[in-house]
Amino acid sequence: MSIDKTSEYVNAEISGEHFISEHIFFYIKKGETTCYDGNQTVVFKSGEFGLIRKNRLARYSKRKTINDNETVFIRFDKEFLQNFQEKYNTQTVLFKSESTFIQLNPNELLPVFFQSLSPLINQGIIREPFADVKREELLLILLQKQPELAGLFFDYGIPQKIDIEEFINKNYKFNVSVERFAFLTGRSLSAFKRDFKAIFNETPSRWLVKKRLQEAYFLLEKKKQKPSDIYLELGFETLSHFSYAFKKQFRVTPTEIAGQEKETSR
């Protein structure tokens, strides 16, 4: 089984891809992880577990002072969920929460589950033929404790059409493709580009870069932050790419802006 469909042990860093394509169960085995979805910041600590719902933008980062962060992620893909629902004839119920990060109720069976899981993990992957069996076991445990989660897991709908301007202004910092933004606003790529141009009088790609760089300038000049501390949070994959784009836009490097701030504060 591939990593993107099963369990993996990772140090929780901000990832390059911020689009959550499948429901993800996570368990903070060690350390502390901060999660952000454009609306809300949630901190999960050692021993806590929860869900990240699919078709959302999200990122997570470990607490810098903790070197031994360890988090278990288990993905529930659509094919697996459909097979599970058919096998157990699970009925969909209403799931009321709209949160991206769902903190689960205490569950006495989960510690036992993870004890049984540990010997089956090899280099971050659950060994076959146990992968689907253990995911099935986990889902049964979750639904037994919180039956309303069926309304989350077995909802196979796609995002509906929403207001582009509000969505983009809230989520422009996430490092995802224009195709992802189109999908999340309930549009085809061509319709998204057309509607975006009508609102912002600019192409999505150009507008996103300019918006991120404007925010970067503000953070460097007014908030005295370092380039290395902000480039990932603003959707740039590397510091060098951020520095190049920044200089091209403002004819000065991010480091020079930060340096000017230090000079004026003396």
C-alpha atoms as a PDB file:
ATOM      1  CA  MET A   1       0.000   0.000   0.000  1.00  0.00           C
ATOM      2  CA  SER A   2       1.326   3.422  -0.882  1.00  0.00           C
ATOM      3  CA  ILE A   3       2.021   6.080   1.733  1.00  0.00           C
ATOM      4  CA  ASP A   4      -0.742   8.366   0.531  1.00  0.00           C
ATOM      5  CA  LYS A   5      -3.374   5.765   1.444  1.00  0.00           C
ATOM      6  CA  THR A   6      -2.071   4.453   4.726  1.00  0.00           C
ATOM      7  CA  SER A   7      -0.205   5.290   7.907  1.00  0.00           C
ATOM      8  CA  GLU A   8       3.037   7.190   8.049  1.00  0.00           C
ATOM      9  CA  TYR A   9       5.222   8.434  10.866  1.00  0.00           C
ATOM     10  CA  VAL A  10       6.473  11.940  10.145  1.00  0.00           C
ATOM     11  CA  ASN A  11       7.817  15.007  11.881  1.00  0.00           C
ATOM     12  CA  ALA A  12       4.992  17.464  11.389  1.00  0.00           C
ATOM     13  CA  GLU A  13       6.406  20.162   9.130  1.00  0.00           C
ATOM     14  CA  ILE A  14       4.627  22.578   6.815  1.00  0.00           C
ATOM     15  CA  SER A  15       4.256  20.604   3.620  1.00  0.00           C
ATOM     16  CA  GLY A  16       4.552  21.752   0.028  1.00  0.00           C
ATOM     17  CA  GLU A  17       1.000  20.679  -0.782  1.00  0.00           C
ATOM     18  CA  HIS A  18      -1.677  22.242   1.398  1.00  0.00           C
ATOM     19  CA  PHE A  19      -4.733  20.632  -0.210  1.00  0.00           C
ATOM     20  CA  ILE A  20      -6.274  17.803   1.813  1.00  0.00           C
ATOM     21  CA  SER A  21      -7.605  15.365  -0.777  1.00  0.00           C
ATOM     22  CA  GLU A  22      -8.768  12.603   1.597  1.00  0.00           C
ATOM     23  CA  HIS A  23      -9.980  12.391   5.179  1.00  0.00           C
ATOM     24  CA  ILE A  24      -7.000  11.963   7.507  1.00  0.00           C
ATOM     25  CA  PHE A  25      -6.928  10.556  11.019  1.00  0.00           C
ATOM     26  CA  PHE A  26      -3.965  11.715  13.079  1.00  0.00           C
ATOM     27  CA  TYR A  27      -2.508  10.852  16.445  1.00  0.00           C
ATOM     28  CA  ILE A  28       0.064  13.091  18.152  1.00  0.00           C
ATOM     29  CA  LYS A  29       2.311  10.422  19.619  1.00  0.00           C
ATOM     30  CA  LYS A  30       4.934  12.899  20.816  1.00  0.00           C
ATOM     31  CA  GLY A  31       5.289  16.671  20.832  1.00  0.00           C
ATOM     32  CA  GLU A  32       2.885  19.422  19.839  1.00  0.00           C
ATOM     33  CA  THR A  33       1.446  20.325  16.435  1.00  0.00           C
ATOM     34  CA  THR A  34      -0.222  23.564  15.345  1.00  0.00           C
ATOM     35  CA  CYS A  35      -2.836  23.284  12.589  1.00  0.00           C
ATOM     36  CA  TYR A  36      -4.192  26.164  10.459  1.00  0.00           C
ATOM     37  CA  ASP A  37      -6.914  26.229   7.795  1.00  0.00           C
ATOM     38  CA  GLY A  38      -7.238  29.915   6.895  1.00  0.00           C
ATOM     39  CA  ASN A  39      -9.940  30.499   9.509  1.00  0.00           C
ATOM     40  CA  GLN A  40      -8.775  28.800  12.644  1.00  0.00           C
ATOM     41  CA  THR A  41      -5.609  27.760  14.430  1.00  0.00           C
ATOM     42  CA  VAL A  42      -5.826  24.618  16.580  1.00  0.00           C
ATOM     43  CA  VAL A  43      -3.058  23.164  18.736  1.00  0.00           C
ATOM     44  CA  PHE A  44      -2.941  19.409  19.330  1.00  0.00           C
ATOM     45  CA  LYS A  45      -0.695  18.046  22.067  1.00  0.00           C
ATOM     46  CA  SER A  46       0.891  14.704  22.875  1.00  0.00           C
ATOM     47  CA  GLY A  47      -1.701  11.954  23.327  1.00  0.00           C
ATOM     48  CA  GLU A  48      -4.444  13.762  21.391  1.00  0.00           C
ATOM     49  CA  PHE A  49      -6.017  12.626  18.152  1.00  0.00           C
ATOM     50  CA  GLY A  50      -8.398  14.014  15.555  1.00  0.00           C
ATOM     51  CA  LEU A  51      -9.479  14.192  11.933  1.00  0.00           C
ATOM     52  CA  ILE A  52      -8.667  16.504   9.046  1.00  0.00           C
ATOM     53  CA  ARG A  53     -11.566  16.579   6.619  1.00  0.00           C
ATOM     54  CA  LYS A  54     -11.061  16.259   2.878  1.00  0.00           C
ATOM     55  CA  ASN A  55     -11.401  18.994   0.262  1.00  0.00           C
ATOM     56  CA  ARG A  56      -9.969  21.618   2.583  1.00  0.00           C
ATOM     57  CA  LEU A  57      -6.858  23.760   2.700  1.00  0.00           C
ATOM     58  CA  ALA A  58      -4.708  23.179   5.743  1.00  0.00           C
ATOM     59  CA  ARG A  59      -1.155  23.138   6.988  1.00  0.00           C
ATOM     60  CA  TYR A  60       0.520  22.017  10.155  1.00  0.00           C
ATOM     61  CA  SER A  61       3.811  22.704  11.914  1.00  0.00           C
ATOM     62  CA  LYS A  62       5.579  21.220  14.891  1.00  0.00           C
ATOM     63  CA  ARG A  63       6.637  23.228  17.884  1.00  0.00           C
ATOM     64  CA  LYS A  64      10.225  24.267  17.191  1.00  0.00           C
ATOM     65  CA  THR A  65      11.477  23.566  20.709  1.00  0.00           C
ATOM     66  CA  ILE A  66      10.464  19.919  20.505  1.00  0.00           C
ATOM     67  CA  ASN A  67      12.867  17.735  18.548  1.00  0.00           C
ATOM     68  CA  ASP A  68      11.156  14.399  18.995  1.00  0.00           C
ATOM     69  CA  ASN A  69       7.786  15.147  17.421  1.00  0.00           C
ATOM     70  CA  GLU A  70       6.113  12.031  16.136  1.00  0.00           C
ATOM     71  CA  THR A  71       2.700  11.935  14.514  1.00  0.00           C
ATOM     72  CA  VAL A  72       0.737   9.053  13.016  1.00  0.00           C
ATOM     73  CA  PHE A  73      -1.363   9.841   9.941  1.00  0.00           C
ATOM     74  CA  ILE A  74      -3.878   7.373   8.522  1.00  0.00           C
ATOM     75  CA  ARG A  75      -5.687   8.310   5.336  1.00  0.00           C
ATOM     76  CA  PHE A  76      -9.198   7.147   4.480  1.00  0.00           C
ATOM     77  CA  ASP A  77      -9.517   7.322   0.697  1.00  0.00           C
ATOM     78  CA  LYS A  78     -12.832   7.267  -1.153  1.00  0.00           C
ATOM     79  CA  GLU A  79     -12.482   3.715  -2.516  1.00  0.00           C
ATOM     80  CA  PHE A  80     -11.753   2.298   0.928  1.00  0.00           C
ATOM     81  CA  LEU A  81     -14.687   4.170   2.490  1.00  0.00           C
ATOM     82  CA  GLN A  82     -17.125   3.041  -0.197  1.00  0.00           C
ATOM     83  CA  ASN A  83     -16.066  -0.584   0.254  1.00  0.00           C
ATOM     84  CA  PHE A  84     -16.402  -0.252   4.034  1.00  0.00           C
ATOM     85  CA  GLN A  85     -19.860   1.303   3.763  1.00  0.00           C
ATOM     86  CA  GLU A  86     -21.042  -1.471   1.451  1.00  0.00           C
ATOM     87  CA  LYS A  87     -19.583  -4.199   3.656  1.00  0.00           C
ATOM     88  CA  TYR A  88     -21.132  -2.938   6.894  1.00  0.00           C
ATOM     89  CA  ASN A  89     -24.221  -1.312   5.354  1.00  0.00           C
ATOM     90  CA  THR A  90     -23.374   1.877   7.232  1.00  0.00           C
ATOM     91  CA  GLN A  91     -26.024   4.579   7.032  1.00  0.00           C
ATOM     92  CA  THR A  92     -25.104   8.229   6.552  1.00  0.00           C
ATOM     93  CA  VAL A  93     -26.263  10.611   9.271  1.00  0.00           C
ATOM     94  CA  LEU A  94     -26.001  14.371   9.654  1.00  0.00           C
ATOM     95  CA  PHE A  95     -22.585  15.653  10.680  1.00  0.00           C
ATOM     96  CA  LYS A  96     -23.030  19.201  11.928  1.00  0.00           C
ATOM     97  CA  SER A  97     -19.499  20.523  12.369  1.00  0.00           C
ATOM     98  CA  GLU A  98     -17.916  22.474   9.500  1.00  0.00           C
ATOM     99  CA  SER A  99     -14.459  22.563  11.117  1.00  0.00           C
ATOM    100  CA  THR A 100     -11.453  21.401   9.127  1.00  0.00           C
ATOM    101  CA  PHE A 101      -9.764  19.956  12.231  1.00  0.00           C
ATOM    102  CA  ILE A 102     -12.046  17.752  14.309  1.00  0.00           C
ATOM    103  CA  GLN A 103     -10.936  16.843  17.799  1.00  0.00           C
ATOM    104  CA  LEU A 104     -12.293  13.399  18.655  1.00  0.00           C
ATOM    105  CA  ASN A 105     -13.852  12.315  21.922  1.00  0.00           C
ATOM    106  CA  PRO A 106     -11.753  10.278  24.389  1.00  0.00           C
ATOM    107  CA  ASN A 107     -11.778   6.648  23.324  1.00  0.00           C
ATOM    108  CA  GLU A 108     -10.399   3.855  25.503  1.00  0.00           C
ATOM    109  CA  LEU A 109      -9.959   1.545  22.496  1.00  0.00           C
ATOM    110  CA  LEU A 110      -7.549   3.799  20.592  1.00  0.00           C
ATOM    111  CA  PRO A 111      -4.483   3.264  22.847  1.00  0.00           C
ATOM    112  CA  VAL A 112      -4.952  -0.495  22.440  1.00  0.00           C
ATOM    113  CA  PHE A 113      -5.267  -0.051  18.671  1.00  0.00           C
ATOM    114  CA  PHE A 114      -1.987   1.865  18.411  1.00  0.00           C
ATOM    115  CA  GLN A 115      -0.187  -0.706  20.544  1.00  0.00           C
ATOM    116  CA  SER A 116      -1.270  -3.351  18.050  1.00  0.00           C
ATOM    117  CA  LEU A 117      -0.294  -1.127  15.116  1.00  0.00           C
ATOM    118  CA  SER A 118       3.330  -0.457  16.107  1.00  0.00           C
ATOM    119  CA  PRO A 119       4.762  -3.909  15.205  1.00  0.00           C
ATOM    120  CA  LEU A 120       3.123  -3.710  11.770  1.00  0.00           C
ATOM    121  CA  ILE A 121       4.814  -0.466  10.704  1.00  0.00           C
ATOM    122  CA  ASN A 122       7.850  -0.644   8.455  1.00  0.00           C
ATOM    123  CA  GLN A 123       9.469   2.634   7.353  1.00  0.00           C
ATOM    124  CA  GLY A 124       6.246   4.525   7.907  1.00  0.00           C
ATOM    125  CA  ILE A 125       3.978   2.077   6.068  1.00  0.00           C
ATOM    126  CA  ILE A 126       1.627  -0.551   7.483  1.00  0.00           C
ATOM    127  CA  ARG A 127       2.863  -3.901   6.202  1.00  0.00           C
ATOM    128  CA  GLU A 128       0.636  -5.911   3.892  1.00  0.00           C
ATOM    129  CA  PRO A 129      -1.686  -7.711   4.260  1.00  0.00           C
ATOM    130  CA  PHE A 130      -2.591  -5.742   7.405  1.00  0.00           C
ATOM    131  CA  ALA A 131      -3.043  -2.257   5.914  1.00  0.00           C
ATOM    132  CA  ASP A 132      -6.737  -2.326   5.033  1.00  0.00           C
ATOM    133  CA  VAL A 133      -7.534  -4.592   7.988  1.00  0.00           C
ATOM    134  CA  LYS A 134      -6.094  -2.065  10.452  1.00  0.00           C
ATOM    135  CA  ARG A 135      -7.763   0.876   8.744  1.00  0.00           C
ATOM    136  CA  GLU A 136     -11.049  -0.985   8.913  1.00  0.00           C
ATOM    137  CA  GLU A 137     -10.494  -1.698  12.592  1.00  0.00           C
ATOM    138  CA  LEU A 138      -9.753   1.982  13.271  1.00  0.00           C
ATOM    139  CA  LEU A 139     -12.871   3.137  11.432  1.00  0.00           C
ATOM    140  CA  LEU A 140     -15.047   0.679  13.382  1.00  0.00           C
ATOM    141  CA  ILE A 141     -13.613   2.038  16.643  1.00  0.00           C
ATOM    142  CA  LEU A 142     -14.281   5.651  15.627  1.00  0.00           C
ATOM    143  CA  LEU A 143     -17.847   4.997  14.465  1.00  0.00           C
ATOM    144  CA  GLN A 144     -18.701   2.970  17.561  1.00  0.00           C
ATOM    145  CA  LYS A 145     -17.762   5.914  19.782  1.00  0.00           C
ATOM    146  CA  GLN A 146     -19.101   8.668  17.504  1.00  0.00           C
ATOM    147  CA  PRO A 147     -21.705   7.314  15.026  1.00  0.00           C
ATOM    148  CA  GLU A 148     -22.263  10.823  13.662  1.00  0.00           C
ATOM    149  CA  LEU A 149     -18.839  10.600  11.986  1.00  0.00           C
ATOM    150  CA  ALA A 150     -20.558   8.510   9.296  1.00  0.00           C
ATOM    151  CA  GLY A 151     -21.949  11.786   7.982  1.00  0.00           C
ATOM    152  CA  LEU A 152     -18.386  12.968   7.444  1.00  0.00           C
ATOM    153  CA  PHE A 153     -16.727   9.817   6.128  1.00  0.00           C
ATOM    154  CA  PHE A 154     -19.494   8.725   3.743  1.00  0.00           C
ATOM    155  CA  ASP A 155     -20.260  12.101   2.192  1.00  0.00           C
ATOM    156  CA  TYR A 156     -18.802  11.785  -1.315  1.00  0.00           C
ATOM    157  CA  GLY A 157     -19.964  15.162  -2.578  1.00  0.00           C
ATOM    158  CA  ILE A 158     -17.668  17.744  -4.138  1.00  0.00           C
ATOM    159  CA  PRO A 159     -17.393  21.452  -3.223  1.00  0.00           C
ATOM    160  CA  GLN A 160     -20.259  23.634  -4.409  1.00  0.00           C
ATOM    161  CA  LYS A 161     -19.959  27.019  -6.090  1.00  0.00           C
ATOM    162  CA  ILE A 162     -18.981  29.727  -3.605  1.00  0.00           C
ATOM    163  CA  ASP A 163     -17.869  33.355  -3.637  1.00  0.00           C
ATOM    164  CA  ILE A 164     -14.378  33.579  -5.172  1.00  0.00           C
ATOM    165  CA  GLU A 165     -13.397  36.947  -3.718  1.00  0.00           C
ATOM    166  CA  GLU A 166     -14.057  35.979  -0.115  1.00  0.00           C
ATOM    167  CA  PHE A 167     -12.423  32.567  -0.511  1.00  0.00           C
ATOM    168  CA  ILE A 168      -9.249  33.795  -2.206  1.00  0.00           C
ATOM    169  CA  ASN A 169      -8.699  36.715   0.157  1.00  0.00           C
ATOM    170  CA  LYS A 170      -8.897  34.250   3.012  1.00  0.00           C
ATOM    171  CA  ASN A 171      -6.757  31.497   1.487  1.00  0.00           C
ATOM    172  CA  TYR A 172      -4.198  33.120  -0.851  1.00  0.00           C
ATOM    173  CA  LYS A 173      -1.292  32.072   1.396  1.00  0.00           C
ATOM    174  CA  PHE A 174      -1.822  28.364   0.765  1.00  0.00           C
ATOM    175  CA  ASN A 175       0.604  26.775  -1.673  1.00  0.00           C
ATOM    176  CA  VAL A 176      -1.815  25.070  -4.037  1.00  0.00           C
ATOM    177  CA  SER A 177      -2.351  25.191  -7.781  1.00  0.00           C
ATOM    178  CA  VAL A 178      -4.951  27.303  -9.568  1.00  0.00           C
ATOM    179  CA  GLU A 179      -6.687  24.021 -10.451  1.00  0.00           C
ATOM    180  CA  ARG A 180      -7.105  23.313  -6.724  1.00  0.00           C
ATOM    181  CA  PHE A 181      -8.562  26.773  -6.096  1.00  0.00           C
ATOM    182  CA  ALA A 182     -10.983  26.236  -8.974  1.00  0.00           C
ATOM    183  CA  PHE A 183     -12.128  22.885  -7.555  1.00  0.00           C
ATOM    184  CA  LEU A 184     -12.575  24.265  -4.036  1.00  0.00           C
ATOM    185  CA  THR A 185     -14.740  27.140  -5.292  1.00  0.00           C
ATOM    186  CA  GLY A 186     -16.955  24.721  -7.239  1.00  0.00           C
ATOM    187  CA  ARG A 187     -15.822  25.669 -10.744  1.00  0.00           C
ATOM    188  CA  SER A 188     -14.059  24.295 -13.770  1.00  0.00           C
ATOM    189  CA  LEU A 189     -10.630  25.789 -14.389  1.00  0.00           C
ATOM    190  CA  SER A 190     -11.862  27.918 -17.282  1.00  0.00           C
ATOM    191  CA  ALA A 191     -14.861  29.222 -15.304  1.00  0.00           C
ATOM    192  CA  PHE A 192     -12.636  30.010 -12.336  1.00  0.00           C
ATOM    193  CA  LYS A 193     -10.185  31.997 -14.455  1.00  0.00           C
ATOM    194  CA  ARG A 194     -13.024  33.891 -16.126  1.00  0.00           C
ATOM    195  CA  ASP A 195     -14.760  34.748 -12.854  1.00  0.00           C
ATOM    196  CA  PHE A 196     -11.457  35.618 -11.180  1.00  0.00           C
ATOM    197  CA  LYS A 197     -10.497  38.042 -13.963  1.00  0.00           C
ATOM    198  CA  ALA A 198     -13.892  39.727 -13.727  1.00  0.00           C
ATOM    199  CA  ILE A 199     -13.411  40.348  -9.997  1.00  0.00           C
ATOM    200  CA  PHE A 200      -9.688  41.104  -9.678  1.00  0.00           C
ATOM    201  CA  ASN A 201      -8.877  42.270 -13.231  1.00  0.00           C
ATOM    202  CA  GLU A 202      -5.868  39.961 -13.185  1.00  0.00           C
ATOM    203  CA  THR A 203      -5.031  36.325 -13.827  1.00  0.00           C
ATOM    204  CA  PRO A 204      -5.093  34.086 -10.716  1.00  0.00           C
ATOM    205  CA  SER A 205      -1.386  33.216 -10.911  1.00  0.00           C
ATOM    206  CA  ARG A 206      -0.201  36.811 -11.175  1.00  0.00           C
ATOM    207  CA  TRP A 207      -2.597  38.065  -8.529  1.00  0.00           C
ATOM    208  CA  LEU A 208      -1.580  35.358  -6.051  1.00  0.00           C
ATOM    209  CA  VAL A 209       2.132  36.125  -6.416  1.00  0.00           C
ATOM    210  CA  LYS A 210       1.585  39.878  -6.052  1.00  0.00           C
ATOM    211  CA  LYS A 211      -0.684  39.435  -3.032  1.00  0.00           C
ATOM    212  CA  ARG A 212       1.789  37.133  -1.278  1.00  0.00           C
ATOM    213  CA  LEU A 213       4.673  39.505  -1.974  1.00  0.00           C
ATOM    214  CA  GLN A 214       2.729  42.505  -0.687  1.00  0.00           C
ATOM    215  CA  GLU A 215       2.062  40.611   2.525  1.00  0.00           C
ATOM    216  CA  ALA A 216       5.742  39.657   2.704  1.00  0.00           C
ATOM    217  CA  TYR A 217       6.811  43.294   2.363  1.00  0.00           C
ATOM    218  CA  PHE A 218       4.480  44.246   5.204  1.00  0.00           C
ATOM    219  CA  LEU A 219       5.756  41.466   7.468  1.00  0.00           C
ATOM    220  CA  LEU A 220       9.387  42.328   6.780  1.00  0.00           C
ATOM    221  CA  GLU A 221       9.087  46.099   7.081  1.00  0.00           C
ATOM    222  CA  LYS A 222       6.419  46.540   9.738  1.00  0.00           C
ATOM    223  CA  LYS A 223       6.474  43.304  11.725  1.00  0.00           C
ATOM    224  CA  LYS A 224      10.275  42.890  11.642  1.00  0.00           C
ATOM    225  CA  GLN A 225      10.078  39.248  10.610  1.00  0.00           C
ATOM    226  CA  LYS A 226      12.856  37.359   8.854  1.00  0.00           C
ATOM    227  CA  PRO A 227      12.578  36.096   5.261  1.00  0.00           C
ATOM    228  CA  SER A 228      13.344  32.560   6.435  1.00  0.00           C
ATOM    229  CA  ASP A 229      10.415  32.708   8.879  1.00  0.00           C
ATOM    230  CA  ILE A 230       7.722  33.780   6.422  1.00  0.00           C
ATOM    231  CA  TYR A 231       8.327  32.334   2.967  1.00  0.00           C
ATOM    232  CA  LEU A 232       6.665  28.957   3.651  1.00  0.00           C
ATOM    233  CA  GLU A 233       3.682  30.525   5.375  1.00  0.00           C
ATOM    234  CA  LEU A 234       3.147  32.735   2.315  1.00  0.00           C
ATOM    235  CA  GLY A 235       3.018  29.821  -0.110  1.00  0.00           C
ATOM    236  CA  PHE A 236       6.569  29.856  -1.515  1.00  0.00           C
ATOM    237  CA  GLU A 237       8.262  26.469  -1.753  1.00  0.00           C
ATOM    238  CA  THR A 238      11.853  27.671  -1.316  1.00  0.00           C
ATOM    239  CA  LEU A 239      13.586  30.696   0.158  1.00  0.00           C
ATOM    240  CA  SER A 240      15.495  31.267  -3.079  1.00  0.00           C
ATOM    241  CA  HIS A 241      12.274  31.353  -5.130  1.00  0.00           C
ATOM    242  CA  PHE A 242      10.753  33.788  -2.651  1.00  0.00           C
ATOM    243  CA  SER A 243      13.825  36.055  -2.748  1.00  0.00           C
ATOM    244  CA  TYR A 244      13.902  36.037  -6.564  1.00  0.00           C
ATOM    245  CA  ALA A 245      10.196  36.893  -6.886  1.00  0.00           C
ATOM    246  CA  PHE A 246      10.466  39.571  -4.182  1.00  0.00           C
ATOM    247  CA  LYS A 247      13.405  41.318  -5.862  1.00  0.00           C
ATOM    248  CA  LYS A 248      11.720  41.137  -9.248  1.00  0.00           C
ATOM    249  CA  GLN A 249       8.624  42.829  -7.796  1.00  0.00           C
ATOM    250  CA  PHE A 250      10.234  45.461  -5.549  1.00  0.00           C
ATOM    251  CA  ARG A 251      13.797  45.763  -6.985  1.00  0.00           C
ATOM    252  CA  VAL A 252      15.201  45.049  -3.546  1.00  0.00           C
ATOM    253  CA  THR A 253      15.843  41.779  -1.705  1.00  0.00           C
ATOM    254  CA  PRO A 254      13.868  40.656   1.349  1.00  0.00           C
ATOM    255  CA  THR A 255      17.082  40.724   3.376  1.00  0.00           C
ATOM    256  CA  GLU A 256      17.660  44.363   2.426  1.00  0.00           C
ATOM    257  CA  ILE A 257      14.162  45.303   3.586  1.00  0.00           C
ATOM    258  CA  ALA A 258      14.780  43.538   6.901  1.00  0.00           C
ATOM    259  CA  GLY A 259      18.169  45.261   7.129  1.00  0.00           C
ATOM    260  CA  GLN A 260      16.644  48.686   6.515  1.00  0.00           C
ATOM    261  CA  GLU A 261      14.276  48.097   9.394  1.00  0.00           C
ATOM    262  CA  LYS A 262      17.187  47.297  11.685  1.00  0.00           C
ATOM    263  CA  GLU A 263      19.045  50.411  10.588  1.00  0.00           C
ATOM    264  CA  THR A 264      16.083  52.716  11.291  1.00  0.00           C
ATOM    265  CA  SER A 265      15.545  51.170  14.724  1.00  0.00           C
ATOM    266  CA  ARG A 266      19.050  52.031  15.919  1.00  0.00           C
END
